Amino acid sequence: MLFFVFHPYTNNIAHVLLNVTGNNYWVWKFALSVAFLSVLCFVKERKSNWVVLNMYDFLF
C-alpha cells in the first residue's frame, strides 16, 4: 500500500533531480524512485507509529 501512495511523489522528485543534472534516462529515474521508496519503507518499519510521527521522532 505504501508503494502505491508514495510512488507518484518519489517519481516526481526523481524526475526533477535528474532533469536538473541533465540525466533524462528512464532507468535512472526508476532506480532513484525505488531508492526513495526503500528509505520511506525503512523509516516506516523503524517508526511503527506512522500516524503520529512528528519531526522530533523522525530525526531521533
N, C-alpha and C. Protein backbone atom coordinates (compact mmCIF):
# COMPACT_ATOMS: atom_id res chain seq x y z
N MET A 1 0.82 -1.20 0.00
CA MET A 1 0.00 0.00 0.00
C MET A 1 0.86 1.26 0.00
N LEU A 2 1.95 1.22 0.75
CA LEU A 2 2.82 2.40 0.84
C LEU A 2 3.41 2.74 -0.52
N PHE A 3 3.75 1.72 -1.31
CA PHE A 3 4.32 1.97 -2.64
C PHE A 3 3.32 2.69 -3.54
N PHE A 4 2.06 2.28 -3.50
CA PHE A 4 1.06 2.88 -4.37
C PHE A 4 0.77 4.33 -3.98
N VAL A 5 0.88 4.65 -2.72
CA VAL A 5 0.59 6.00 -2.26
C VAL A 5 1.75 6.94 -2.55
N PHE A 6 2.97 6.51 -2.27
CA PHE A 6 4.11 7.41 -2.36
C PHE A 6 4.88 7.34 -3.68
N HIS A 7 4.58 6.36 -4.53
CA HIS A 7 5.33 6.25 -5.78
C HIS A 7 5.21 7.48 -6.68
N PRO A 8 4.03 8.08 -6.86
CA PRO A 8 3.98 9.28 -7.71
C PRO A 8 4.84 10.42 -7.17
N TYR A 9 4.89 10.57 -5.86
CA TYR A 9 5.71 11.64 -5.28
C TYR A 9 7.20 11.37 -5.45
N THR A 10 7.61 10.16 -5.16
CA THR A 10 9.03 9.84 -5.30
C THR A 10 9.45 9.86 -6.77
N ASN A 11 8.55 9.49 -7.66
CA ASN A 11 8.85 9.53 -9.08
C ASN A 11 9.03 10.97 -9.56
N ASN A 12 8.19 11.88 -9.08
CA ASN A 12 8.32 13.29 -9.45
C ASN A 12 9.61 13.89 -8.90
N ILE A 13 9.98 13.54 -7.68
CA ILE A 13 11.22 14.03 -7.10
C ILE A 13 12.41 13.52 -7.90
N ALA A 14 12.39 12.25 -8.25
CA ALA A 14 13.47 11.68 -9.06
C ALA A 14 13.53 12.35 -10.43
N HIS A 15 12.39 12.61 -11.02
CA HIS A 15 12.34 13.26 -12.33
C HIS A 15 12.97 14.66 -12.27
N VAL A 16 12.60 15.44 -11.26
CA VAL A 16 13.14 16.79 -11.14
C VAL A 16 14.64 16.76 -10.87
N LEU A 17 15.08 15.89 -9.96
CA LEU A 17 16.51 15.81 -9.64
C LEU A 17 17.35 15.41 -10.85
N LEU A 18 16.86 14.45 -11.61
CA LEU A 18 17.64 14.00 -12.77
C LEU A 18 17.57 14.97 -13.93
N ASN A 19 16.49 15.72 -14.07
CA ASN A 19 16.43 16.74 -15.11
C ASN A 19 17.36 17.90 -14.80
N VAL A 20 17.51 18.23 -13.53
CA VAL A 20 18.44 19.30 -13.14
C VAL A 20 19.88 18.91 -13.47
N THR A 21 20.20 17.64 -13.26
CA THR A 21 21.56 17.18 -13.54
C THR A 21 21.79 16.87 -15.01
N GLY A 22 20.75 16.89 -15.83
CA GLY A 22 20.88 16.63 -17.25
C GLY A 22 20.76 15.17 -17.62
N ASN A 23 20.42 14.32 -16.67
CA ASN A 23 20.25 12.89 -16.91
C ASN A 23 18.76 12.62 -17.10
N ASN A 24 18.36 12.33 -18.31
CA ASN A 24 16.92 12.14 -18.57
C ASN A 24 16.63 10.71 -19.02
N TYR A 25 17.32 9.75 -18.46
CA TYR A 25 17.14 8.35 -18.85
C TYR A 25 16.17 7.69 -17.86
N TRP A 26 15.18 6.98 -18.38
CA TRP A 26 14.08 6.49 -17.52
C TRP A 26 14.55 5.46 -16.50
N VAL A 27 15.59 4.68 -16.81
CA VAL A 27 16.05 3.67 -15.86
C VAL A 27 16.61 4.34 -14.60
N TRP A 28 17.32 5.44 -14.77
CA TRP A 28 17.85 6.17 -13.61
C TRP A 28 16.72 6.76 -12.77
N LYS A 29 15.67 7.26 -13.43
CA LYS A 29 14.51 7.78 -12.70
C LYS A 29 13.85 6.68 -11.88
N PHE A 30 13.69 5.52 -12.50
CA PHE A 30 13.07 4.39 -11.80
C PHE A 30 13.92 3.95 -10.62
N ALA A 31 15.23 3.84 -10.81
CA ALA A 31 16.12 3.40 -9.74
C ALA A 31 16.12 4.39 -8.58
N LEU A 32 16.15 5.68 -8.88
CA LEU A 32 16.12 6.69 -7.82
C LEU A 32 14.78 6.70 -7.10
N SER A 33 13.71 6.51 -7.83
CA SER A 33 12.38 6.44 -7.22
C SER A 33 12.27 5.25 -6.27
N VAL A 34 12.78 4.10 -6.69
CA VAL A 34 12.76 2.91 -5.83
C VAL A 34 13.65 3.11 -4.61
N ALA A 35 14.76 3.81 -4.79
CA ALA A 35 15.63 4.10 -3.65
C ALA A 35 14.92 4.98 -2.63
N PHE A 36 14.20 6.00 -3.11
CA PHE A 36 13.42 6.84 -2.20
C PHE A 36 12.34 6.04 -1.48
N LEU A 37 11.67 5.15 -2.21
CA LEU A 37 10.64 4.31 -1.60
C LEU A 37 11.25 3.37 -0.56
N SER A 38 12.43 2.87 -0.82
CA SER A 38 13.10 2.00 0.15
C SER A 38 13.40 2.74 1.44
N VAL A 39 13.83 3.99 1.31
CA VAL A 39 14.11 4.80 2.50
C VAL A 39 12.81 5.04 3.28
N LEU A 40 11.73 5.33 2.58
CA LEU A 40 10.44 5.53 3.26
C LEU A 40 9.98 4.27 3.98
N CYS A 41 10.15 3.13 3.35
CA CYS A 41 9.76 1.86 3.99
C CYS A 41 10.64 1.57 5.20
N PHE A 42 11.92 1.89 5.11
CA PHE A 42 12.82 1.70 6.24
C PHE A 42 12.39 2.57 7.42
N VAL A 43 12.06 3.83 7.14
CA VAL A 43 11.61 4.73 8.22
C VAL A 43 10.29 4.24 8.80
N LYS A 44 9.39 3.77 7.94
CA LYS A 44 8.10 3.27 8.43
C LYS A 44 8.28 2.05 9.32
N GLU A 45 9.16 1.15 8.95
CA GLU A 45 9.41 -0.04 9.77
C GLU A 45 10.08 0.34 11.10
N ARG A 46 10.94 1.32 11.04
CA ARG A 46 11.65 1.74 12.25
C ARG A 46 10.72 2.47 13.21
N LYS A 47 9.85 3.27 12.66
CA LYS A 47 8.87 4.02 13.46
C LYS A 47 7.49 3.43 13.19
N SER A 48 7.07 2.50 14.00
CA SER A 48 5.81 1.80 13.73
C SER A 48 4.59 2.69 13.94
N ASN A 49 4.71 3.76 14.73
CA ASN A 49 3.60 4.66 14.96
C ASN A 49 3.62 5.76 13.90
N TRP A 50 3.33 5.39 12.66
CA TRP A 50 3.45 6.26 11.49
C TRP A 50 2.45 7.41 11.52
N VAL A 51 1.30 7.24 12.17
CA VAL A 51 0.25 8.25 12.12
C VAL A 51 0.63 9.49 12.92
N VAL A 52 1.22 9.31 14.08
CA VAL A 52 1.54 10.46 14.92
C VAL A 52 3.04 10.77 14.91
N LEU A 53 3.68 10.51 13.80
CA LEU A 53 5.10 10.77 13.67
C LEU A 53 5.32 12.27 13.53
N ASN A 54 6.06 12.83 14.47
CA ASN A 54 6.38 14.25 14.36
C ASN A 54 7.85 14.41 13.97
N MET A 55 8.29 15.63 13.77
CA MET A 55 9.65 15.87 13.26
C MET A 55 10.69 15.41 14.26
N TYR A 56 10.46 15.57 15.55
CA TYR A 56 11.44 15.13 16.55
C TYR A 56 11.64 13.61 16.49
N ASP A 57 10.54 12.87 16.36
CA ASP A 57 10.64 11.41 16.28
C ASP A 57 11.34 10.97 15.00
N PHE A 58 11.13 11.74 13.92
CA PHE A 58 11.73 11.38 12.64
C PHE A 58 13.26 11.56 12.69
N LEU A 59 13.71 12.59 13.36
CA LEU A 59 15.14 12.86 13.42
C LEU A 59 15.88 11.99 14.42
N PHE A 60 15.20 11.58 15.48
CA PHE A 60 15.91 10.82 16.55
C PHE A 60 15.28 9.51 16.78
